[in-house]
Structure formats: C-alpha cells, structure tokens
Protein backbone atom coordinates (compact mmCIF):
# COMPACT_ATOMS: atom_id res chain seq x y z
CA UNK A 1 52.67 5.74 -8.20
CA UNK A 2 51.46 6.39 -4.66
CA UNK A 3 52.31 10.16 -4.59
CA UNK A 4 50.47 10.66 -7.90
CA UNK A 5 47.38 8.85 -6.59
CA UNK A 6 47.40 10.89 -3.38
CA UNK A 7 47.85 14.15 -5.29
CA UNK A 8 44.98 13.34 -7.67
CA UNK A 9 42.76 12.47 -4.71
CA UNK A 10 43.59 15.78 -3.07
CA UNK A 11 42.83 17.61 -6.30
CA UNK A 12 39.43 15.94 -6.58
CA UNK A 13 38.66 16.81 -2.96
CA UNK A 14 39.68 20.42 -3.57
CA UNK A 15 37.46 20.60 -6.64
CA UNK A 16 34.51 19.29 -4.66
CA UNK A 17 35.12 21.77 -1.87
CA UNK A 18 35.54 24.84 -4.04
CA UNK A 19 32.60 24.01 -6.31
CA UNK A 20 30.35 24.61 -3.33
CA UNK A 21 31.25 28.31 -3.44
CA UNK A 22 28.50 30.07 -5.35
CA UNK A 23 29.14 31.96 -8.55
CA UNK A 24 26.93 33.62 -11.10
CA UNK A 25 27.27 33.01 -14.84
CA UNK A 26 25.73 35.26 -17.44
CA UNK A 27 25.82 35.09 -21.22
CA UNK A 28 27.02 38.32 -22.82
CA UNK A 29 27.63 39.44 -26.37
CA UNK A 30 30.33 41.97 -27.16
CA UNK A 31 30.19 42.90 -30.81
CA UNK A 32 29.96 39.58 -32.61
CA UNK A 33 31.61 37.62 -29.79
CA UNK A 34 29.57 35.36 -27.53
CA UNK A 35 30.99 35.07 -24.04
CA UNK A 36 30.25 33.95 -20.51
CA UNK A 37 30.94 36.23 -17.54
CA UNK A 38 31.48 34.35 -14.29
CA UNK A 39 31.38 36.37 -11.07
CA UNK A 40 31.83 35.12 -7.51
CA UNK A 41 28.75 35.77 -5.41
CA UNK A 42 29.08 38.30 -2.63
CA UNK A 43 32.40 39.76 -3.81
CA UNK A 44 32.28 43.47 -4.59
CA UNK A 45 34.51 44.54 -7.52
CA UNK A 46 36.63 41.39 -7.74
CA UNK A 47 39.61 41.12 -10.08
CA UNK A 48 38.71 39.64 -13.46
CA UNK A 49 40.60 37.29 -15.75
CA UNK A 50 40.04 37.40 -19.50
CA UNK A 51 40.58 33.76 -20.51
CA UNK A 52 42.02 33.47 -24.02
CA UNK A 53 41.84 30.06 -25.69
CA UNK A 54 44.45 28.22 -27.69
CA UNK A 55 44.63 27.46 -31.40
CA UNK A 56 41.89 26.15 -33.64
CA UNK A 57 38.14 26.60 -33.42
CA UNK A 58 38.20 26.69 -29.64
CA UNK A 59 35.08 27.77 -27.78
CA UNK A 60 34.52 29.55 -24.49
CA UNK A 61 35.00 26.34 -22.49
CA UNK A 62 38.32 25.46 -24.13
CA UNK A 63 36.74 22.79 -26.35
CA UNK A 64 37.08 22.18 -30.09
CA UNK A 65 35.27 20.03 -32.63
CA UNK A 66 37.27 16.90 -31.73
CA UNK A 67 38.95 17.62 -28.39
CA UNK A 68 36.92 18.57 -25.32
CA UNK A 69 39.03 18.98 -22.17
CA UNK A 70 36.93 21.95 -20.90
CA UNK A 71 40.15 23.65 -19.79
CA UNK A 72 38.77 27.19 -19.62
CA UNK A 73 35.47 26.22 -18.04
CA UNK A 74 37.28 24.42 -15.24
CA UNK A 75 39.65 27.34 -14.76
CA UNK A 76 36.75 29.81 -14.58
CA UNK A 77 35.06 27.68 -11.93
CA UNK A 78 38.22 27.41 -9.86
CA UNK A 79 38.92 31.14 -10.06
CA UNK A 80 35.35 31.97 -9.03
CA UNK A 81 35.74 29.71 -6.01
CA UNK A 82 38.67 31.93 -5.01
CA UNK A 83 36.81 35.21 -5.42
CA UNK A 84 37.99 35.99 -8.97
CA UNK A 85 35.69 36.81 -11.88
CA UNK A 86 36.39 35.70 -15.44
CA UNK A 87 35.24 36.29 -18.98
CA UNK A 88 35.66 33.48 -21.51
CA UNK A 89 34.50 33.63 -25.10
CA UNK A 90 34.05 31.78 -28.38
CA UNK A 91 36.92 32.56 -30.73
CA UNK A 92 36.19 33.47 -34.31
CA UNK A 93 35.20 30.24 -36.01
CA UNK A 94 34.17 28.44 -32.83
CA UNK A 95 30.58 27.17 -33.01
CA UNK A 96 30.48 28.29 -36.65
CA UNK A 97 31.74 31.28 -38.62
CA UNK A 98 29.52 34.37 -38.33
CA UNK A 99 28.81 36.76 -41.17
CA UNK A 100 29.83 39.63 -38.87
CA UNK A 101 33.41 38.38 -39.02
CA UNK A 102 33.58 38.90 -42.77
CA UNK A 103 34.94 36.28 -45.15
CA UNK A 104 37.01 33.53 -43.51
CA UNK A 105 39.75 34.01 -46.12
CA UNK A 106 40.11 37.66 -45.05
CA UNK A 107 40.91 36.72 -41.45
CA UNK A 108 44.27 37.81 -40.06
CA UNK A 109 45.82 37.06 -36.66
CA UNK A 110 45.46 40.71 -35.64
CA UNK A 111 41.70 40.10 -35.60
CA UNK A 112 42.14 37.83 -32.57
CA UNK A 113 44.04 40.64 -30.86
CA UNK A 114 41.35 43.15 -31.76
CA UNK A 115 38.70 40.85 -30.31
CA UNK A 116 40.58 40.48 -27.03
CA UNK A 117 41.15 44.24 -26.82
CA UNK A 118 37.41 44.84 -27.32
CA UNK A 119 36.68 42.46 -24.46
CA UNK A 120 39.15 44.33 -22.24
CA UNK A 121 37.27 47.54 -23.05
CA UNK A 122 34.03 45.83 -22.03
CA UNK A 123 35.55 44.85 -18.67
CA UNK A 124 37.26 48.15 -17.96
CA UNK A 125 35.88 50.03 -14.97
CA UNK A 126 33.75 47.14 -13.77
CA UNK A 127 36.41 45.24 -11.84
CA UNK A 128 39.29 45.90 -9.47
CA UNK A 129 41.91 44.59 -11.90
CA UNK A 130 42.03 43.14 -15.42
CA UNK A 131 44.35 40.20 -16.00
CA UNK A 132 44.93 38.49 -19.35
CA UNK A 133 45.24 34.71 -19.05
CA UNK A 134 46.36 33.11 -22.32
CA UNK A 135 46.52 29.37 -22.85
CA UNK A 136 48.79 27.99 -25.60
CA UNK A 137 48.28 30.21 -28.70
CA UNK A 138 46.16 32.38 -26.41
CA UNK A 139 49.41 33.39 -24.72
CA UNK A 140 50.55 35.04 -27.94
CA UNK A 141 47.18 36.78 -28.27
CA UNK A 142 47.49 37.95 -24.66
CA UNK A 143 50.99 39.34 -25.18
CA UNK A 144 49.95 41.29 -28.28
CA UNK A 145 46.76 42.50 -26.57
CA UNK A 146 48.75 43.76 -23.59
CA UNK A 147 50.88 45.76 -26.03
CA UNK A 148 47.75 47.23 -27.60
CA UNK A 149 45.62 48.17 -24.59
CA UNK A 150 46.39 48.73 -20.88
CA UNK A 151 45.86 45.77 -18.56
CA UNK A 152 47.13 45.07 -15.07
CA UNK A 153 48.72 41.64 -15.32
CA UNK A 154 49.55 38.83 -17.71
CA UNK A 155 49.47 35.05 -17.27
CA UNK A 156 50.94 32.68 -19.88
CA UNK A 157 49.88 29.04 -19.55
CA UNK A 158 51.65 26.39 -21.67
CA UNK A 159 52.59 29.09 -24.19
CA UNK A 160 55.26 28.99 -26.88
CA UNK A 161 58.20 31.35 -27.17
CA UNK A 162 58.54 30.62 -30.89
CA UNK A 163 56.69 31.72 -33.96
CA UNK A 164 53.90 29.23 -34.56
CA UNK A 165 55.28 28.24 -37.92
CA UNK A 166 58.61 27.33 -36.31
CA UNK A 167 56.82 25.47 -33.52
CA UNK A 168 54.76 23.51 -36.05
CA UNK A 169 57.90 22.49 -37.92
CA UNK A 170 59.50 21.27 -34.69
CA UNK A 171 56.39 19.26 -33.85
CA UNK A 172 56.10 17.72 -37.33
CA UNK A 173 59.78 16.79 -37.41
CA UNK A 174 59.02 14.29 -34.65
CA UNK A 175 56.26 12.66 -36.69
CA UNK A 176 57.32 12.76 -40.35
CA UNK A 177 60.23 11.04 -42.09
CA UNK A 178 62.86 13.38 -43.49
CA UNK A 179 61.76 12.89 -47.11
CA UNK A 180 58.24 14.07 -46.33
CA UNK A 181 59.32 16.72 -43.85
CA UNK A 182 61.48 18.64 -46.32
CA UNK A 183 58.64 19.83 -48.60
CA UNK A 184 56.44 20.50 -45.57
CA UNK A 185 59.09 22.70 -43.98
CA UNK A 186 59.56 24.60 -47.23
CA UNK A 187 55.79 25.13 -47.51
CA UNK A 188 55.56 26.42 -43.94
CA UNK A 189 58.46 28.81 -44.54
CA UNK A 190 56.79 30.08 -47.72
CA UNK A 191 53.43 30.60 -46.00
CA UNK A 192 55.20 32.42 -43.15
CA UNK A 193 56.79 34.69 -45.77
CA UNK A 194 53.38 35.60 -47.17
CA UNK A 195 53.47 33.32 -50.19
CA UNK A 196 50.72 30.97 -51.34
CA UNK A 197 51.65 27.32 -51.83
CA UNK A 198 49.40 25.63 -54.37
CA UNK A 199 49.18 22.74 -54.11
CA UNK A 200 50.25 22.38 -50.49
CA UNK A 201 51.83 19.08 -49.42
CA UNK A 202 49.27 16.48 -48.39
CA UNK A 203 50.77 16.51 -44.89
CA UNK A 204 49.93 20.23 -44.64
CA UNK A 205 46.32 20.45 -45.86
CA UNK A 206 45.87 24.22 -45.86
CA UNK A 207 43.71 25.55 -48.67
CA UNK A 208 45.41 28.32 -50.71
CA UNK A 209 42.62 30.77 -49.85
CA UNK A 210 43.28 30.27 -46.13
CA UNK A 211 47.06 30.47 -46.25
CA UNK A 212 47.38 34.27 -45.89
CA UNK A 213 45.40 34.18 -42.64
CA UNK A 214 47.25 31.19 -41.27
CA UNK A 215 50.54 32.70 -42.41
CA UNK A 216 49.74 35.82 -40.37
CA UNK A 217 49.52 33.57 -37.31
CA UNK A 218 52.61 31.53 -38.23
CA UNK A 219 54.79 34.63 -38.47
CA UNK A 220 53.96 36.40 -35.18
CA UNK A 221 56.92 36.37 -32.79
CA UNK A 222 56.03 36.61 -29.07
CA UNK A 223 59.49 37.54 -27.81
CA UNK A 224 59.92 41.16 -28.95
CA UNK A 225 56.48 42.33 -27.78
CA UNK A 226 56.92 40.47 -24.47
CA UNK A 227 60.22 42.28 -23.90
CA UNK A 228 58.38 45.59 -24.19
CA UNK A 229 55.85 44.80 -21.46
CA UNK A 230 56.42 46.06 -17.92
CA UNK A 231 53.32 44.64 -16.22
CA UNK A 232 53.60 41.81 -13.68
CA UNK A 233 53.73 38.47 -15.52
CA UNK A 234 53.37 34.83 -14.55
CA UNK A 235 54.65 32.05 -16.84
CA UNK A 236 53.56 28.45 -16.18
CA UNK A 237 54.64 25.27 -17.96
CA UNK A 238 54.44 21.55 -17.41
CA UNK A 239 56.87 18.67 -17.88
CA UNK A 240 54.13 16.40 -19.29
CA UNK A 241 53.32 18.89 -22.06
CA UNK A 242 53.98 17.07 -25.32
CA UNK A 243 53.38 20.23 -27.40
CA UNK A 244 55.42 22.93 -25.63
CA UNK A 245 58.82 21.93 -24.17
CA UNK A 246 60.57 23.60 -21.26
CA UNK A 247 62.89 25.56 -23.54
CA UNK A 248 59.91 27.72 -24.50
CA UNK A 249 59.22 28.67 -20.90
CA UNK A 250 62.92 29.42 -20.42
CA UNK A 251 62.91 31.70 -23.48
CA UNK A 252 59.75 33.49 -22.34
CA UNK A 253 61.27 34.02 -18.90
CA UNK A 254 64.44 35.42 -20.47
CA UNK A 255 62.32 37.91 -22.42
CA UNK A 256 60.51 38.92 -19.21
CA UNK A 257 63.21 38.62 -16.51
CA UNK A 258 60.96 40.11 -13.82
CA UNK A 259 58.25 37.50 -14.44
CA UNK A 260 57.35 34.83 -11.95
CA UNK A 261 57.69 31.30 -13.31
CA UNK A 262 56.27 27.94 -12.30
CA UNK A 263 57.30 24.58 -13.76
CA UNK A 264 55.04 21.67 -12.78
CA UNK A 265 56.39 18.11 -13.15
CA UNK A 266 53.06 16.34 -13.82
CA UNK A 267 51.07 18.97 -15.77
CA UNK A 268 50.35 18.52 -19.48
CA UNK A 269 49.23 20.90 -22.21
CA UNK A 270 45.58 21.00 -21.12
CA UNK A 271 46.71 21.88 -17.59
CA UNK A 272 45.91 18.58 -15.87
CA UNK A 273 48.21 16.10 -14.15
CA UNK A 274 49.03 12.87 -15.97
CA UNK A 275 51.34 9.99 -15.19
CA UNK A 276 51.98 8.59 -18.67
CA UNK A 277 51.25 9.06 -22.37
CA UNK A 278 47.98 7.12 -22.24
CA UNK A 279 46.64 9.46 -19.58
CA UNK A 280 47.98 12.42 -21.54
CA UNK A 281 46.05 11.47 -24.67
CA UNK A 282 42.83 10.61 -22.84
CA UNK A 283 42.89 13.89 -20.88
CA UNK A 284 42.19 15.87 -24.06
CA UNK A 285 38.67 14.45 -24.00
CA UNK A 286 38.14 14.30 -20.24
CA UNK A 287 36.25 17.41 -19.08
CA UNK A 288 35.99 16.03 -15.54
CA UNK A 289 39.71 15.59 -14.94
CA UNK A 290 40.76 18.27 -12.42
CA UNK A 291 43.25 20.97 -13.31
CA UNK A 292 46.67 20.86 -11.69
CA UNK A 293 45.95 22.29 -8.21
CA UNK A 294 49.33 24.03 -7.93
CA UNK A 295 48.72 25.80 -11.25
CA UNK A 296 45.26 26.93 -10.13
CA UNK A 297 46.56 28.20 -6.81
CA UNK A 298 49.49 30.04 -8.37
CA UNK A 299 47.30 31.74 -10.97
CA UNK A 300 44.69 32.73 -8.38
CA UNK A 301 47.29 34.12 -5.97
CA UNK A 302 48.97 36.04 -8.77
CA UNK A 303 45.69 37.55 -10.02
CA UNK A 304 44.45 38.53 -6.58
CA UNK A 305 47.80 39.43 -4.99
CA UNK A 306 48.79 42.90 -3.93
CA UNK A 307 50.39 45.06 -6.59
CA UNK A 308 54.20 45.06 -6.42
CA UNK A 309 54.24 48.76 -7.24
C-alpha cells in the first residue's frame, strides 16, 4: 500500500501547487447551451480543449443527478494550471430540459454531435489549437464531431470501442442472471434496430417514447469513423475502470494505429486513482479526489505539444 499512499500524497501536493496558478472563468451561452470558458491568465492565444461529458444528464462539471465526481471541473482546473484553456458545457438534459431543444422524445444522438460542432465553431479563431477531449460516451461524440468539423487533435478518456448497446449488454450480463438477461438483451437489440419495445423489461426501464432517441445512441459505432480520422489522437484507459475494460482501448488503438496510448494501472472510470472497489465506488461522489496525475500530464503535454506535421 505504501506506493499508492505516496502517489496520492504527491497528487494532492501537485493539485495544491497548480491551483495557485491564476485562471479566469466566464459563463457563456452558445445557442441553447450553457458553458464555462476557462482561460489561463497571462497566456496569449493558448490551445483550448472542448471537454465533452459522458452519458446521462451530465453537466459542465462532469456531475449528474446522483453522481458528482466533478471530473470535468477538475480537468479544466488542471489544464488551466498548465497554460491550456477549456470550454465545458451542460449537455442537453443537464440541469433540466430546455424548450429550445425541442421535445425530449425527438432527441437523437446526432444532436449531441451538432452541439459539439457548434461549440467548435464558437472557439474557432480564438485559440492556437482546438482539441476535443471526450470522456466515456463523450469520446464517441468527439469522434463523430471530428468527422463533421475540422479540429486539431482528439483525446479519448475511458472511452468504449463498442456500440453503446453492445457495451450495455456486456455490463448487464455481469449483474443479471441468465433468465432475466435474455429478454433484456433482446430488447436492447430491438431498440438498436430502431424498434419500440412496449412494455420494456423491468430491468431496462426505458419509456417507449424515449426509445428511438436512446436507440440512436445505442447503435452508433465508434470504430469506422475513428478509422477515417487522420488528426493526432491520444487514447487513455485505466485498469481500475469497472465500466470500460482494456479490450476497448486496444480496439480503439487498432482503429487509430498512429494514436498515442496510455494505460494507467490505478485509474478508474472517473479518472482518479483507487486501490480497491470501495474506493472506486466512493470516488463517484468525491469531487475533491485528485485526478490521476499521469493522465493529466499526458493530456496536457499532448494538447500543448508541437504538431507532428
């Protein structure tokens, strides 16, 4: 346990040191999206990272209704301390659904991509470089956004290589007995195929009206669009991630053979170091737990590094 304790102590010390570097935060609204722009003080035309949150009603800080790890807020602070600006934003549905988004049942996954592309347009011309940083489901949004609009670099943090419907089935198979899993798997496959399952199994409580939108997310495959990207890419995963196994990082790296990869032995899904399952679970509601310092450093160096071209 001694190396883990020492590493955590170093991470806390690093957080305290870098937090002393001044940064400016300003609330901005782009279309119907509320966001926070963080800029390092005294840095002229820094690179900027568009931080794209994971699944669910996740807000600009990386928090949801139940889980509040503040993943994106901590990352923005750490990037600013290293001279890198960032824009983080409330996803559709975070902090309430707005009338400007239309009816919730009309939502489709492409709307997330359109939102991210609009934010890239807002940033364009203001900064030295635009980098998409997607966490979890945000990695898929980042890949599809990079296919839609020009950006300079791409970072995938704890992101899946599988369609979300397939990933969900793999996750549920670990929790449900076979008798209950069979109808759930069939329902997920049907929703992925664009069908409406009514009633849905009790273990998959998705209202029929919301299934087309969720199905549009379930069916998106990250591999083919990632193969078509030629921009510098960084892929980061962690051995303590109970949601995304290493095989996903391997598959992403195979789809982007020129990408840099980083596998961290103690990092979990919310990008912090944990030593056991108790720490893993508690970290999802610990906004003060520092991010993995090696992940932060690798992301910062990649964003700010000289262009390979």
